[in-house]
Amino acid sequence: MKLIRIREAKPLGDYCVELTLTDGRVVERDLGPMLVGPVFDEIRNDVAQFREMRVEGGALVWPTGADLCPDVLIWGGLPPADAASDAA
């Protein structure tokens, strides 16, 4: 079973991003509600820092050390058990 991960991320307006997944799908996500807690203070309060996101190991990361789990970004939690078979 091959997990679907993030291949590319492109910041859009506000705190929205366009994610290209390893299965070829492109999805948009609003990260605003996920940027909670002190680890996200810098990127939540500085759009330039938010835009410095990159993909590392299939996850979304920032130079500040903050990151977001790909499962949360793609599925809103753990991937469904049949996600790999759906992508085939």
PDB file of N, CA and C in Angstrom:
ATOM      1  N   MET A   1       0.845  -1.179   0.000  1.00  0.00           N
ATOM      2  CA  MET A   1       0.000   0.000   0.000  1.00  0.00           C
ATOM      3  C   MET A   1       0.888   1.239   0.000  1.00  0.00           C
ATOM      4  N   LYS A   2       0.789   2.040  -1.012  1.00  0.00           N
ATOM      5  CA  LYS A   2       1.586   3.256  -1.101  1.00  0.00           C
ATOM      6  C   LYS A   2       0.761   4.431  -0.585  1.00  0.00           C
ATOM      7  N   LEU A   3       1.331   5.134   0.403  1.00  0.00           N
ATOM      8  CA  LEU A   3       0.631   6.282   0.963  1.00  0.00           C
ATOM      9  C   LEU A   3       0.671   7.462   0.002  1.00  0.00           C
ATOM     10  N   ILE A   4      -0.407   8.192  -0.051  1.00  0.00           N
ATOM     11  CA  ILE A   4      -0.464   9.407  -0.845  1.00  0.00           C
ATOM     12  C   ILE A   4       0.111  10.531   0.008  1.00  0.00           C
ATOM     13  N   ARG A   5       1.025  11.270  -0.569  1.00  0.00           N
ATOM     14  CA  ARG A   5       1.679  12.361   0.134  1.00  0.00           C
ATOM     15  C   ARG A   5       1.644  13.614  -0.727  1.00  0.00           C
ATOM     16  N   ILE A   6       2.163  14.691  -0.185  1.00  0.00           N
ATOM     17  CA  ILE A   6       2.227  15.962  -0.897  1.00  0.00           C
ATOM     18  C   ILE A   6       3.517  15.987  -1.719  1.00  0.00           C
ATOM     19  N   ARG A   7       3.395  16.335  -2.993  1.00  0.00           N
ATOM     20  CA  ARG A   7       4.562  16.439  -3.865  1.00  0.00           C
ATOM     21  C   ARG A   7       4.997  17.888  -4.027  1.00  0.00           C
ATOM     22  N   GLU A   8       4.021  18.788  -4.141  1.00  0.00           N
ATOM     23  CA  GLU A   8       4.308  20.213  -4.301  1.00  0.00           C
ATOM     24  C   GLU A   8       3.269  21.023  -3.547  1.00  0.00           C
ATOM     25  N   ALA A   9       3.676  22.217  -3.113  1.00  0.00           N
ATOM     26  CA  ALA A   9       2.763  23.133  -2.429  1.00  0.00           C
ATOM     27  C   ALA A   9       2.990  24.534  -2.964  1.00  0.00           C
ATOM     28  N   LYS A  10       1.883  25.212  -3.229  1.00  0.00           N
ATOM     29  CA  LYS A  10       1.957  26.588  -3.736  1.00  0.00           C
ATOM     30  C   LYS A  10       1.036  27.455  -2.900  1.00  0.00           C
ATOM     31  N   PRO A  11       1.594  28.488  -2.252  1.00  0.00           N
ATOM     32  CA  PRO A  11       0.731  29.371  -1.468  1.00  0.00           C
ATOM     33  C   PRO A  11      -0.202  30.179  -2.368  1.00  0.00           C
ATOM     34  N   LEU A  12      -1.435  30.318  -1.934  1.00  0.00           N
ATOM     35  CA  LEU A  12      -2.427  31.133  -2.633  1.00  0.00           C
ATOM     36  C   LEU A  12      -2.723  32.343  -1.743  1.00  0.00           C
ATOM     37  N   GLY A  13      -3.825  32.995  -1.916  1.00  0.00           N
ATOM     38  CA  GLY A  13      -4.197  34.125  -1.067  1.00  0.00           C
ATOM     39  C   GLY A  13      -4.531  33.680   0.340  1.00  0.00           C
ATOM     40  N   ASP A  14      -4.455  34.636   1.270  1.00  0.00           N
ATOM     41  CA  ASP A  14      -4.711  34.380   2.689  1.00  0.00           C
ATOM     42  C   ASP A  14      -3.834  33.222   3.161  1.00  0.00           C
ATOM     43  N   TYR A  15      -4.397  32.235   3.790  1.00  0.00           N
ATOM     44  CA  TYR A  15      -3.617  31.081   4.252  1.00  0.00           C
ATOM     45  C   TYR A  15      -4.017  29.819   3.494  1.00  0.00           C
ATOM     46  N   CYS A  16      -4.437  29.993   2.260  1.00  0.00           N
ATOM     47  CA  CYS A  16      -4.801  28.856   1.414  1.00  0.00           C
ATOM     48  C   CYS A  16      -3.590  28.384   0.615  1.00  0.00           C
ATOM     49  N   VAL A  17      -3.557  27.086   0.343  1.00  0.00           N
ATOM     50  CA  VAL A  17      -2.479  26.503  -0.448  1.00  0.00           C
ATOM     51  C   VAL A  17      -3.063  25.571  -1.499  1.00  0.00           C
ATOM     52  N   GLU A  18      -2.325  25.437  -2.580  1.00  0.00           N
ATOM     53  CA  GLU A  18      -2.640  24.439  -3.596  1.00  0.00           C
ATOM     54  C   GLU A  18      -1.639  23.315  -3.429  1.00  0.00           C
ATOM     55  N   LEU A  19      -2.127  22.112  -3.204  1.00  0.00           N
ATOM     56  CA  LEU A  19      -1.275  20.950  -2.983  1.00  0.00           C
ATOM     57  C   LEU A  19      -1.374  20.005  -4.171  1.00  0.00           C
ATOM     58  N   THR A  20      -0.236  19.616  -4.707  1.00  0.00           N
ATOM     59  CA  THR A  20      -0.183  18.570  -5.726  1.00  0.00           C
ATOM     60  C   THR A  20       0.228  17.300  -5.002  1.00  0.00           C
ATOM     61  N   LEU A  21      -0.594  16.272  -5.124  1.00  0.00           N
ATOM     62  CA  LEU A  21      -0.370  15.024  -4.407  1.00  0.00           C
ATOM     63  C   LEU A  21       0.401  14.030  -5.266  1.00  0.00           C
ATOM     64  N   THR A  22       0.969  13.027  -4.628  1.00  0.00           N
ATOM     65  CA  THR A  22       1.771  12.042  -5.341  1.00  0.00           C
ATOM     66  C   THR A  22       0.938  11.178  -6.288  1.00  0.00           C
ATOM     67  N   ASP A  23      -0.383  11.195  -6.148  1.00  0.00           N
ATOM     68  CA  ASP A  23      -1.234  10.449  -7.082  1.00  0.00           C
ATOM     69  C   ASP A  23      -1.697  11.332  -8.241  1.00  0.00           C
ATOM     70  N   GLY A  24      -1.194  12.589  -8.295  1.00  0.00           N
ATOM     71  CA  GLY A  24      -1.514  13.494  -9.395  1.00  0.00           C
ATOM     72  C   GLY A  24      -2.655  14.456  -9.132  1.00  0.00           C
ATOM     73  N   ARG A  25      -3.442  14.211  -8.085  1.00  0.00           N
ATOM     74  CA  ARG A  25      -4.540  15.129  -7.784  1.00  0.00           C
ATOM     75  C   ARG A  25      -4.007  16.462  -7.291  1.00  0.00           C
ATOM     76  N   VAL A  26      -4.761  17.521  -7.558  1.00  0.00           N
ATOM     77  CA  VAL A  26      -4.443  18.849  -7.054  1.00  0.00           C
ATOM     78  C   VAL A  26      -5.625  19.287  -6.201  1.00  0.00           C
ATOM     79  N   VAL A  27      -5.342  19.675  -4.941  1.00  0.00           N
ATOM     80  CA  VAL A  27      -6.393  20.086  -4.007  1.00  0.00           C
ATOM     81  C   VAL A  27      -6.008  21.418  -3.385  1.00  0.00           C
ATOM     82  N   GLU A  28      -7.008  22.175  -2.985  1.00  0.00           N
ATOM     83  CA  GLU A  28      -6.777  23.429  -2.264  1.00  0.00           C
ATOM     84  C   GLU A  28      -7.213  23.236  -0.823  1.00  0.00           C
ATOM     85  N   ARG A  29      -6.429  23.788   0.090  1.00  0.00           N
ATOM     86  CA  ARG A  29      -6.756  23.711   1.507  1.00  0.00           C
ATOM     87  C   ARG A  29      -6.565  25.077   2.151  1.00  0.00           C
ATOM     88  N   ASP A  30      -7.451  25.408   3.083  1.00  0.00           N
ATOM     89  CA  ASP A  30      -7.332  26.613   3.900  1.00  0.00           C
ATOM     90  C   ASP A  30      -6.615  26.193   5.179  1.00  0.00           C
ATOM     91  N   LEU A  31      -5.385  26.661   5.361  1.00  0.00           N
ATOM     92  CA  LEU A  31      -4.603  26.272   6.524  1.00  0.00           C
ATOM     93  C   LEU A  31      -4.868  27.152   7.738  1.00  0.00           C
ATOM     94  N   GLY A  32      -5.586  28.259   7.551  1.00  0.00           N
ATOM     95  CA  GLY A  32      -5.845  29.185   8.654  1.00  0.00           C
ATOM     96  C   GLY A  32      -6.267  28.505   9.946  1.00  0.00           C
ATOM     97  N   PRO A  33      -7.280  27.639   9.926  1.00  0.00           N
ATOM     98  CA  PRO A  33      -7.724  26.996  11.163  1.00  0.00           C
ATOM     99  C   PRO A  33      -6.693  26.039  11.771  1.00  0.00           C
ATOM    100  N   MET A  34      -5.692  25.627  10.985  1.00  0.00           N
ATOM    101  CA  MET A  34      -4.681  24.681  11.474  1.00  0.00           C
ATOM    102  C   MET A  34      -3.468  25.369  12.086  1.00  0.00           C
ATOM    103  N   LEU A  35      -3.334  26.664  11.851  1.00  0.00           N
ATOM    104  CA  LEU A  35      -2.154  27.392  12.326  1.00  0.00           C
ATOM    105  C   LEU A  35      -2.373  27.894  13.743  1.00  0.00           C
ATOM    106  N   VAL A  36      -2.497  26.960  14.676  1.00  0.00           N
ATOM    107  CA  VAL A  36      -2.822  27.258  16.067  1.00  0.00           C
ATOM    108  C   VAL A  36      -1.635  26.912  16.957  1.00  0.00           C
ATOM    109  N   GLY A  37      -1.386  27.755  17.930  1.00  0.00           N
ATOM    110  CA  GLY A  37      -0.332  27.493  18.898  1.00  0.00           C
ATOM    111  C   GLY A  37       0.929  28.282  18.616  1.00  0.00           C
ATOM    112  N   PRO A  38       1.820  28.327  19.601  1.00  0.00           N
ATOM    113  CA  PRO A  38       3.032  29.139  19.505  1.00  0.00           C
ATOM    114  C   PRO A  38       3.944  28.772  18.341  1.00  0.00           C
ATOM    115  N   VAL A  39       3.998  27.504  17.959  1.00  0.00           N
ATOM    116  CA  VAL A  39       4.881  27.091  16.864  1.00  0.00           C
ATOM    117  C   VAL A  39       4.497  27.765  15.545  1.00  0.00           C
ATOM    118  N   PHE A  40       3.236  28.163  15.411  1.00  0.00           N
ATOM    119  CA  PHE A  40       2.763  28.801  14.178  1.00  0.00           C
ATOM    120  C   PHE A  40       2.687  30.325  14.272  1.00  0.00           C
ATOM    121  N   ASP A  41       3.057  30.918  15.423  1.00  0.00           N
ATOM    122  CA  ASP A  41       2.945  32.372  15.600  1.00  0.00           C
ATOM    123  C   ASP A  41       3.618  33.156  14.477  1.00  0.00           C
ATOM    124  N   GLU A  42       4.858  32.830  14.173  1.00  0.00           N
ATOM    125  CA  GLU A  42       5.597  33.594  13.166  1.00  0.00           C
ATOM    126  C   GLU A  42       4.946  33.522  11.784  1.00  0.00           C
ATOM    127  N   ILE A  43       4.541  32.319  11.363  1.00  0.00           N
ATOM    128  CA  ILE A  43       3.969  32.209  10.013  1.00  0.00           C
ATOM    129  C   ILE A  43       2.528  32.705   9.961  1.00  0.00           C
ATOM    130  N   ARG A  44       1.823  32.661  11.090  1.00  0.00           N
ATOM    131  CA  ARG A  44       0.456  33.177  11.133  1.00  0.00           C
ATOM    132  C   ARG A  44       0.453  34.704  11.096  1.00  0.00           C
ATOM    133  N   ASN A  45       1.483  35.323  11.674  1.00  0.00           N
ATOM    134  CA  ASN A  45       1.544  36.778  11.769  1.00  0.00           C
ATOM    135  C   ASN A  45       2.375  37.444  10.675  1.00  0.00           C
ATOM    136  N   ASP A  46       2.993  36.664   9.792  1.00  0.00           N
ATOM    137  CA  ASP A  46       3.838  37.214   8.735  1.00  0.00           C
ATOM    138  C   ASP A  46       3.615  36.413   7.450  1.00  0.00           C
ATOM    139  N   VAL A  47       2.865  36.993   6.536  1.00  0.00           N
ATOM    140  CA  VAL A  47       2.514  36.291   5.297  1.00  0.00           C
ATOM    141  C   VAL A  47       3.765  35.889   4.517  1.00  0.00           C
ATOM    142  N   ALA A  48       4.808  36.724   4.550  1.00  0.00           N
ATOM    143  CA  ALA A  48       6.053  36.390   3.841  1.00  0.00           C
ATOM    144  C   ALA A  48       6.639  35.087   4.393  1.00  0.00           C
ATOM    145  N   GLN A  49       6.595  34.906   5.715  1.00  0.00           N
ATOM    146  CA  GLN A  49       7.097  33.656   6.300  1.00  0.00           C
ATOM    147  C   GLN A  49       6.176  32.487   5.961  1.00  0.00           C
ATOM    148  N   PHE A  50       4.877  32.733   5.931  1.00  0.00           N
ATOM    149  CA  PHE A  50       3.944  31.670   5.549  1.00  0.00           C
ATOM    150  C   PHE A  50       4.282  31.162   4.149  1.00  0.00           C
ATOM    151  N   ARG A  51       4.607  32.064   3.238  1.00  0.00           N
ATOM    152  CA  ARG A  51       4.882  31.712   1.847  1.00  0.00           C
ATOM    153  C   ARG A  51       6.209  30.971   1.665  1.00  0.00           C
ATOM    154  N   GLU A  52       7.026  30.889   2.713  1.00  0.00           N
ATOM    155  CA  GLU A  52       8.301  30.174   2.650  1.00  0.00           C
ATOM    156  C   GLU A  52       8.135  28.662   2.821  1.00  0.00           C
ATOM    157  N   MET A  53       6.919  28.169   2.760  1.00  0.00           N
ATOM    158  CA  MET A  53       6.651  26.738   2.919  1.00  0.00           C
ATOM    159  C   MET A  53       7.372  25.931   1.843  1.00  0.00           C
ATOM    160  N   ARG A  54       7.663  24.698   2.190  1.00  0.00           N
ATOM    161  CA  ARG A  54       8.229  23.755   1.234  1.00  0.00           C
ATOM    162  C   ARG A  54       7.727  22.359   1.604  1.00  0.00           C
ATOM    163  N   VAL A  55       7.919  21.426   0.698  1.00  0.00           N
ATOM    164  CA  VAL A  55       7.524  20.037   0.957  1.00  0.00           C
ATOM    165  C   VAL A  55       8.779  19.248   1.297  1.00  0.00           C
ATOM    166  N   GLU A  56       8.694  18.516   2.381  1.00  0.00           N
ATOM    167  CA  GLU A  56       9.816  17.702   2.833  1.00  0.00           C
ATOM    168  C   GLU A  56       9.266  16.372   3.333  1.00  0.00           C
ATOM    169  N   GLY A  57       9.665  15.286   2.709  1.00  0.00           N
ATOM    170  CA  GLY A  57       9.174  13.972   3.125  1.00  0.00           C
ATOM    171  C   GLY A  57       7.668  13.840   3.002  1.00  0.00           C
ATOM    172  N   GLY A  58       7.060  14.566   2.058  1.00  0.00           N
ATOM    173  CA  GLY A  58       5.621  14.493   1.851  1.00  0.00           C
ATOM    174  C   GLY A  58       4.801  15.362   2.784  1.00  0.00           C
ATOM    175  N   ALA A  59       5.461  16.097   3.683  1.00  0.00           N
ATOM    176  CA  ALA A  59       4.776  16.981   4.631  1.00  0.00           C
ATOM    177  C   ALA A  59       5.067  18.433   4.270  1.00  0.00           C
ATOM    178  N   LEU A  60       4.271  19.327   4.793  1.00  0.00           N
ATOM    179  CA  LEU A  60       4.445  20.756   4.577  1.00  0.00           C
ATOM    180  C   LEU A  60       5.250  21.310   5.751  1.00  0.00           C
ATOM    181  N   VAL A  61       6.379  21.969   5.452  1.00  0.00           N
ATOM    182  CA  VAL A  61       7.255  22.481   6.510  1.00  0.00           C
ATOM    183  C   VAL A  61       7.649  23.924   6.227  1.00  0.00           C
ATOM    184  N   TRP A  62       8.056  24.618   7.289  1.00  0.00           N
ATOM    185  CA  TRP A  62       8.517  26.001   7.198  1.00  0.00           C
ATOM    186  C   TRP A  62       9.893  26.104   7.829  1.00  0.00           C
ATOM    187  N   PRO A  63      10.695  27.105   7.420  1.00  0.00           N
ATOM    188  CA  PRO A  63      12.021  27.308   8.015  1.00  0.00           C
ATOM    189  C   PRO A  63      11.971  27.572   9.527  1.00  0.00           C
ATOM    190  N   THR A  64      10.827  27.990  10.047  1.00  0.00           N
ATOM    191  CA  THR A  64      10.689  28.256  11.483  1.00  0.00           C
ATOM    192  C   THR A  64      10.670  26.965  12.316  1.00  0.00           C
ATOM    193  N   GLY A  65      10.559  25.814  11.651  1.00  0.00           N
ATOM    194  CA  GLY A  65      10.456  24.535  12.354  1.00  0.00           C
ATOM    195  C   GLY A  65       9.037  24.013  12.436  1.00  0.00           C
ATOM    196  N   ALA A  66       8.064  24.828  12.050  1.00  0.00           N
ATOM    197  CA  ALA A  66       6.667  24.383  12.054  1.00  0.00           C
ATOM    198  C   ALA A  66       6.437  23.415  10.901  1.00  0.00           C
ATOM    199  N   ASP A  67       5.515  22.481  11.095  1.00  0.00           N
ATOM    200  CA  ASP A  67       5.136  21.575  10.010  1.00  0.00           C
ATOM    201  C   ASP A  67       3.698  21.127  10.191  1.00  0.00           C
ATOM    202  N   LEU A  68       3.135  20.612   9.118  1.00  0.00           N
ATOM    203  CA  LEU A  68       1.779  20.053   9.157  1.00  0.00           C
ATOM    204  C   LEU A  68       1.812  18.660   8.553  1.00  0.00           C
ATOM    205  N   CYS A  69       1.183  17.742   9.230  1.00  0.00           N
ATOM    206  CA  CYS A  69       1.119  16.346   8.816  1.00  0.00           C
ATOM    207  C   CYS A  69       0.367  16.209   7.486  1.00  0.00           C
ATOM    208  N   PRO A  70       0.922  15.441   6.549  1.00  0.00           N
ATOM    209  CA  PRO A  70       0.231  15.279   5.270  1.00  0.00           C
ATOM    210  C   PRO A  70      -1.148  14.621   5.400  1.00  0.00           C
ATOM    211  N   ASP A  71      -1.307  13.708   6.357  1.00  0.00           N
ATOM    212  CA  ASP A  71      -2.618  13.054   6.509  1.00  0.00           C
ATOM    213  C   ASP A  71      -3.694  14.064   6.892  1.00  0.00           C
ATOM    214  N   VAL A  72      -3.346  15.001   7.756  1.00  0.00           N
ATOM    215  CA  VAL A  72      -4.309  16.029   8.156  1.00  0.00           C
ATOM    216  C   VAL A  72      -4.631  16.931   6.966  1.00  0.00           C
ATOM    217  N   LEU A  73      -3.610  17.303   6.195  1.00  0.00           N
ATOM    218  CA  LEU A  73      -3.830  18.182   5.052  1.00  0.00           C
ATOM    219  C   LEU A  73      -4.618  17.501   3.936  1.00  0.00           C
ATOM    220  N   ILE A  74      -4.324  16.252   3.686  1.00  0.00           N
ATOM    221  CA  ILE A  74      -4.975  15.543   2.578  1.00  0.00           C
ATOM    222  C   ILE A  74      -6.345  15.010   2.984  1.00  0.00           C
ATOM    223  N   TRP A  75      -6.406  14.325   4.121  1.00  0.00           N
ATOM    224  CA  TRP A  75      -7.632  13.619   4.506  1.00  0.00           C
ATOM    225  C   TRP A  75      -8.394  14.261   5.652  1.00  0.00           C
ATOM    226  N   GLY A  76      -7.800  15.208   6.357  1.00  0.00           N
ATOM    227  CA  GLY A  76      -8.437  15.761   7.546  1.00  0.00           C
ATOM    228  C   GLY A  76      -8.262  14.845   8.743  1.00  0.00           C
ATOM    229  N   GLY A  77      -7.342  13.918   8.674  1.00  0.00           N
ATOM    230  CA  GLY A  77      -7.065  12.935   9.720  1.00  0.00           C
ATOM    231  C   GLY A  77      -6.337  11.767   9.089  1.00  0.00           C
ATOM    232  N   LEU A  78      -6.483  10.585   9.631  1.00  0.00           N
ATOM    233  CA  LEU A  78      -5.835   9.418   9.041  1.00  0.00           C
ATOM    234  C   LEU A  78      -6.443   9.112   7.682  1.00  0.00           C
ATOM    235  N   PRO A  79      -5.619   8.600   6.732  1.00  0.00           N
ATOM    236  CA  PRO A  79      -6.171   8.270   5.428  1.00  0.00           C
ATOM    237  C   PRO A  79      -7.168   7.116   5.543  1.00  0.00           C
ATOM    238  N   PRO A  80      -8.176   7.108   4.689  1.00  0.00           N
ATOM    239  CA  PRO A  80      -9.115   5.984   4.709  1.00  0.00           C
ATOM    240  C   PRO A  80      -8.401   4.699   4.324  1.00  0.00           C
ATOM    241  N   ALA A  81      -8.868   3.600   4.828  1.00  0.00           N
ATOM    242  CA  ALA A  81      -8.213   2.300   4.584  1.00  0.00           C
ATOM    243  C   ALA A  81      -8.125   1.973   3.106  1.00  0.00           C
ATOM    244  N   ASP A  82      -9.086   2.443   2.310  1.00  0.00           N
ATOM    245  CA  ASP A  82      -9.101   2.109   0.881  1.00  0.00           C
ATOM    246  C   ASP A  82      -8.518   3.218   0.005  1.00  0.00           C
ATOM    247  N   ALA A  83      -7.789   4.166   0.577  1.00  0.00           N
ATOM    248  CA  ALA A  83      -7.240   5.304  -0.190  1.00  0.00           C
ATOM    249  C   ALA A  83      -6.292   4.833  -1.271  1.00  0.00           C
ATOM    250  N   ALA A  84      -5.464   3.831  -0.999  1.00  0.00           N
ATOM    251  CA  ALA A  84      -4.506   3.363  -1.997  1.00  0.00           C
ATOM    252  C   ALA A  84      -5.225   2.680  -3.151  1.00  0.00           C
ATOM    253  N   SER A  85      -6.265   1.923  -2.850  1.00  0.00           N
ATOM    254  CA  SER A  85      -6.983   1.241  -3.931  1.00  0.00           C
ATOM    255  C   SER A  85      -7.800   2.230  -4.757  1.00  0.00           C
ATOM    256  N   ASP A  86      -8.291   3.324  -4.139  1.00  0.00           N
ATOM    257  CA  ASP A  86      -9.028   4.342  -4.877  1.00  0.00           C
ATOM    258  C   ASP A  86      -8.127   5.077  -5.856  1.00  0.00           C
ATOM    259  N   ALA A  87      -6.853   5.238  -5.484  1.00  0.00           N
ATOM    260  CA  ALA A  87      -5.922   6.004  -6.319  1.00  0.00           C
ATOM    261  C   ALA A  87      -5.410   5.166  -7.478  1.00  0.00           C
ATOM    262  N   ALA A  88      -5.558   3.864  -7.400  1.00  0.00           N
ATOM    263  CA  ALA A  88      -5.030   2.977  -8.449  1.00  0.00           C
ATOM    264  C   ALA A  88      -5.839   3.044  -9.719  1.00  0.00           C
TER     265      ALA A  88
END
